[in-house]
């Protein structure tokens, strides 16, 4: 069984990226599962907070979930043509202490996808993640891109994917990523 942990980089209840992640969980190929992690409850990174209180429980929980998984899926919004601050902050916490980087991220098969109400999907955000993932030592999958443009028309008001063409693209993306993870 291939286990992937997926994280949405948005905290918004009606997040298009969380809807994309939940849809992906329902489209996993046989022999695989997608567990949804959360960045909710992770405070802003502060070295003084870390020194005084250690790693927050929300960070430890997510870190252990990632470390025990076979792969990692980042589902990223795009804010101001780049990485959402709340998502980057969570990754920064997950890399603390630095001695944990190799355990949590090192060599971990990782894929990035995202949804945006705009016409370019999340191409700039996904690109901005590349040096971060390289620095953390992940094994980034480059097999396909999943850029959901004009996502407001792809999902209904309840977050259900209603665009069958995008659903098939997502199914293919997840099949490709699971195959990549399974080859390791």
Protein backbone atom coordinates (compact mmCIF):
# COMPACT_ATOMS: atom_id res chain seq x y z
CA UNK A 1 0.00 0.00 0.00
CA UNK A 2 1.40 3.40 -1.02
CA UNK A 3 0.53 6.13 1.46
CA UNK A 4 0.73 9.78 0.49
CA UNK A 5 0.14 12.72 2.81
CA UNK A 6 -1.48 15.71 1.14
CA UNK A 7 -1.48 19.24 2.54
CA UNK A 8 -3.52 22.20 1.35
CA UNK A 9 -1.74 25.53 1.66
CA UNK A 10 -4.97 27.37 2.41
CA UNK A 11 -6.81 27.82 5.69
CA UNK A 12 -10.02 29.12 4.10
CA UNK A 13 -13.09 26.92 4.63
CA UNK A 14 -14.15 27.29 1.00
CA UNK A 15 -10.63 26.79 -0.35
CA UNK A 16 -10.38 25.64 -3.96
CA UNK A 17 -7.09 23.94 -3.10
CA UNK A 18 -8.61 22.00 -0.22
CA UNK A 19 -11.40 20.96 -2.59
CA UNK A 20 -8.76 19.82 -5.08
CA UNK A 21 -6.99 17.82 -2.35
CA UNK A 22 -10.22 16.16 -1.22
CA UNK A 23 -11.09 15.28 -4.80
CA UNK A 24 -7.63 13.75 -5.28
CA UNK A 25 -8.17 11.61 -2.18
CA UNK A 26 -11.25 10.13 -3.84
CA UNK A 27 -9.42 9.40 -7.10
CA UNK A 28 -6.49 7.40 -5.75
CA UNK A 29 -5.53 4.30 -7.72
CA UNK A 30 -5.91 0.84 -6.20
CA UNK A 31 -3.22 0.02 -3.68
CA UNK A 32 -2.78 3.61 -2.54
CA UNK A 33 -4.27 6.07 -0.13
CA UNK A 34 -4.10 9.83 0.35
CA UNK A 35 -4.22 11.02 3.95
CA UNK A 36 -5.05 14.68 4.40
CA UNK A 37 -2.84 16.65 6.77
CA UNK A 38 -3.46 20.20 7.93
CA UNK A 39 -1.47 23.34 8.59
CA UNK A 40 -4.26 24.71 10.80
CA UNK A 41 -2.98 25.57 14.27
CA UNK A 42 0.63 26.12 13.25
CA UNK A 43 1.78 29.48 14.68
CA UNK A 44 4.01 31.97 12.92
CA UNK A 45 7.58 30.77 13.11
CA UNK A 46 9.51 32.47 15.90
CA UNK A 47 12.92 31.18 16.98
CA UNK A 48 12.28 32.47 20.50
CA UNK A 49 9.03 30.49 20.68
CA UNK A 50 10.87 27.39 19.50
CA UNK A 51 13.68 27.90 22.05
CA UNK A 52 11.27 28.49 24.94
CA UNK A 53 8.54 25.97 24.17
CA UNK A 54 9.92 23.57 21.58
CA UNK A 55 8.05 22.41 18.49
CA UNK A 56 4.29 23.07 18.66
CA UNK A 57 2.00 20.03 18.81
CA UNK A 58 0.36 20.85 15.45
CA UNK A 59 3.80 20.81 13.82
CA UNK A 60 4.85 17.56 15.51
CA UNK A 61 1.62 15.83 14.45
CA UNK A 62 2.02 16.84 10.81
CA UNK A 63 5.75 16.11 10.82
CA UNK A 64 5.19 12.55 12.06
CA UNK A 65 2.44 12.00 9.50
CA UNK A 66 4.79 13.07 6.68
CA UNK A 67 7.75 11.09 8.04
CA UNK A 68 5.71 7.88 8.09
CA UNK A 69 4.27 8.36 4.58
CA UNK A 70 5.71 7.16 1.29
CA UNK A 71 5.12 10.48 -0.46
CA UNK A 72 4.11 14.11 0.04
CA UNK A 73 1.63 16.13 -2.02
CA UNK A 74 1.62 19.92 -1.69
CA UNK A 75 -1.57 21.59 -2.93
CA UNK A 76 -0.67 25.23 -3.24
CA UNK A 77 -2.65 28.39 -3.82
CA UNK A 78 -0.90 31.28 -5.51
CA UNK A 79 -0.84 34.61 -3.69
CA UNK A 80 0.69 37.63 -5.42
CA UNK A 81 2.38 35.39 -7.99
CA UNK A 82 4.17 33.27 -5.38
CA UNK A 83 4.00 30.97 -2.37
CA UNK A 84 1.31 31.63 0.26
CA UNK A 85 2.96 32.85 3.46
CA UNK A 86 0.95 30.54 5.72
CA UNK A 87 2.05 27.50 3.70
CA UNK A 88 5.72 28.50 3.60
CA UNK A 89 5.56 29.17 7.35
CA UNK A 90 4.27 25.63 7.93
CA UNK A 91 7.09 24.14 5.86
CA UNK A 92 9.59 26.28 7.79
CA UNK A 93 8.27 24.86 11.07
CA UNK A 94 8.32 21.32 9.66
CA UNK A 95 12.03 21.76 8.93
CA UNK A 96 12.80 22.48 12.62
CA UNK A 97 15.00 21.39 14.20
CA UNK A 98 17.26 21.25 11.17
CA UNK A 99 18.39 17.77 12.21
CA UNK A 100 14.85 16.55 11.28
CA UNK A 101 15.00 17.75 7.67
CA UNK A 102 16.41 14.50 6.33
CA UNK A 103 13.88 12.40 8.29
CA UNK A 104 10.86 14.42 7.17
CA UNK A 105 11.83 15.62 3.69
CA UNK A 106 15.08 13.95 2.63
CA UNK A 107 14.53 11.88 -0.50
CA UNK A 108 10.76 11.93 0.05
CA UNK A 109 8.86 11.70 -3.23
CA UNK A 110 6.97 14.99 -3.51
CA UNK A 111 4.49 16.43 -5.99
CA UNK A 112 3.01 19.91 -6.26
CA UNK A 113 -0.34 20.92 -7.71
CA UNK A 114 -2.76 23.77 -7.24
CA UNK A 115 -5.96 25.56 -8.17
CA UNK A 116 -6.58 29.22 -8.84
CA UNK A 117 -9.55 31.34 -9.88
CA UNK A 118 -7.27 33.02 -12.43
CA UNK A 119 -6.28 31.92 -15.89
CA UNK A 120 -2.76 30.67 -15.17
CA UNK A 121 -3.48 28.11 -12.49
CA UNK A 122 -0.73 28.18 -9.90
CA UNK A 123 2.23 28.03 -12.26
CA UNK A 124 4.20 30.77 -10.50
CA UNK A 125 3.57 29.39 -7.03
CA UNK A 126 4.54 25.88 -8.12
CA UNK A 127 7.71 27.26 -9.67
CA UNK A 128 8.51 29.24 -6.51
CA UNK A 129 8.33 26.02 -4.47
CA UNK A 130 11.09 24.35 -6.51
CA UNK A 131 14.11 25.86 -4.70
CA UNK A 132 12.46 25.22 -1.33
CA UNK A 133 11.89 21.55 -2.15
CA UNK A 134 15.43 21.29 -3.53
CA UNK A 135 16.88 22.79 -0.34
CA UNK A 136 14.92 20.31 1.79
CA UNK A 137 16.20 17.42 -0.32
CA UNK A 138 12.88 16.08 -1.56
CA UNK A 139 12.67 13.84 -4.62
CA UNK A 140 10.43 16.09 -6.67
CA UNK A 141 8.23 14.40 -9.27
CA UNK A 142 8.33 16.18 -12.62
CA UNK A 143 6.14 13.74 -14.55
CA UNK A 144 3.09 15.96 -15.01
CA UNK A 145 1.74 19.34 -13.99
CA UNK A 146 -1.64 19.88 -12.39
CA UNK A 147 -2.61 23.52 -12.79
CA UNK A 148 -6.32 24.08 -12.29
CA UNK A 149 -7.21 27.40 -13.89
CA UNK A 150 -10.54 29.18 -13.46
CA UNK A 151 -11.20 26.83 -10.56
CA UNK A 152 -14.38 28.64 -9.58
CA UNK A 153 -16.07 26.93 -12.53
CA UNK A 154 -14.39 23.56 -11.85
CA UNK A 155 -15.98 23.14 -8.41
CA UNK A 156 -19.54 23.77 -7.26
CA UNK A 157 -20.44 25.80 -4.16
CA UNK A 158 -19.95 22.74 -1.92
CA UNK A 159 -16.44 22.06 -3.26
CA UNK A 160 -17.39 19.11 -5.46
CA UNK A 161 -15.47 18.91 -8.72
CA UNK A 162 -17.96 19.22 -11.56
CA UNK A 163 -15.58 19.41 -14.52
CA UNK A 164 -15.07 15.87 -15.82
CA UNK A 165 -12.09 16.80 -18.00
CA UNK A 166 -10.20 18.24 -15.01
CA UNK A 167 -11.22 15.22 -12.93
CA UNK A 168 -9.63 12.90 -15.49
CA UNK A 169 -6.48 15.06 -15.55
CA UNK A 170 -6.34 14.84 -11.75
CA UNK A 171 -6.85 11.07 -11.84
CA UNK A 172 -3.94 10.78 -14.29
CA UNK A 173 -1.78 13.07 -12.16
CA UNK A 174 -2.38 10.96 -9.06
CA UNK A 175 -1.79 7.70 -10.96
CA UNK A 176 1.52 9.06 -12.25
CA UNK A 177 2.63 10.26 -8.83
CA UNK A 178 1.66 7.01 -7.11
CA UNK A 179 3.62 5.06 -9.75
CA UNK A 180 6.63 7.32 -9.12
CA UNK A 181 6.35 6.77 -5.36
CA UNK A 182 5.90 3.01 -5.82
CA UNK A 183 9.10 2.69 -7.86
CA UNK A 184 11.20 3.80 -4.90
